[in-house]
Amino acid sequence: RDTAAEYTDALSSTNRRLIQEQDERAKLAMLEERARIARDLHDSVGHVLSSALLQTGALDALCGEEVPKQRLKLLSRTLSEGMDEVRAALHSLRDEAFSLETQARKLTDEFTLCPITLEYSLSGDEPADLRLAFAAILKEALSNAARHSNATRVSVILREHPAFYQLIVRDNGTGQPGGESGGMGLDNMRARAEAVGGTASIGQSSQGFEVFVSVKKEVRA
């Protein structure tokens, strides 16, 4: 009976894990499809509206009668408003479709200098601009580590706490990007963190080089 109970528990645990993995794959597939739709709409609708705006501008320049010119200006203004709305909708769709977890796993999978670990515990409800900022900072941090660190191991941590979000990239190397004074890449990481209301502590630690970014949730409200 004890063995049967153990098998039952193990089977239930495996089933839960498989269901969770299926849900995650379905979510990623949905996000990728939304991103593809946003790209297609940007290419097709954006091109059509841009062409219409150029044509109305050309007609306005050629038209000598006041009434047709007024109608052309109204049409041009309507098309411009439509273009702005389409752009806003596409940007929103793109931002919602962007998966920080997918990007983080892609960047760590492509990192070849040395062994790398990823700890990811964000819920997925974080603001779109924070996701984009964290992805850009992570990309820059890993690029710097590959070029300058001489590390034999790298760790990436993306955590969500009750009051703040964290991004931490640590390596055990001795090199520092841009020399003792830092470089443009480090300034860019700090600027991206500040742009979403956070702070970035970047420099040598007792174990190597560290990029530590923290963004308070109350700042995001």
Foldseek 3Di string as FASTA:
>chain_A
DVVVVVVVVVVVVVVVVVVVVVVVVVLLVVLVVLLVVLVVCCVPVVVVLVVLLVVLVVVLVVDDDDVVNVVSVVVNVVSVVVNVVSVVVSVVSNLLSDDLVVLVVVLQVPQDQAEEEEAEDDPSPDDSLVSVLLSLLVNLVSVCCSPFFNFHYKYWYWDDDPWKTKTKIDTQGAGADPPPVHDPSVVSNQVSLVVQQKGWDWAADPRGTMIIIMHTPVSND
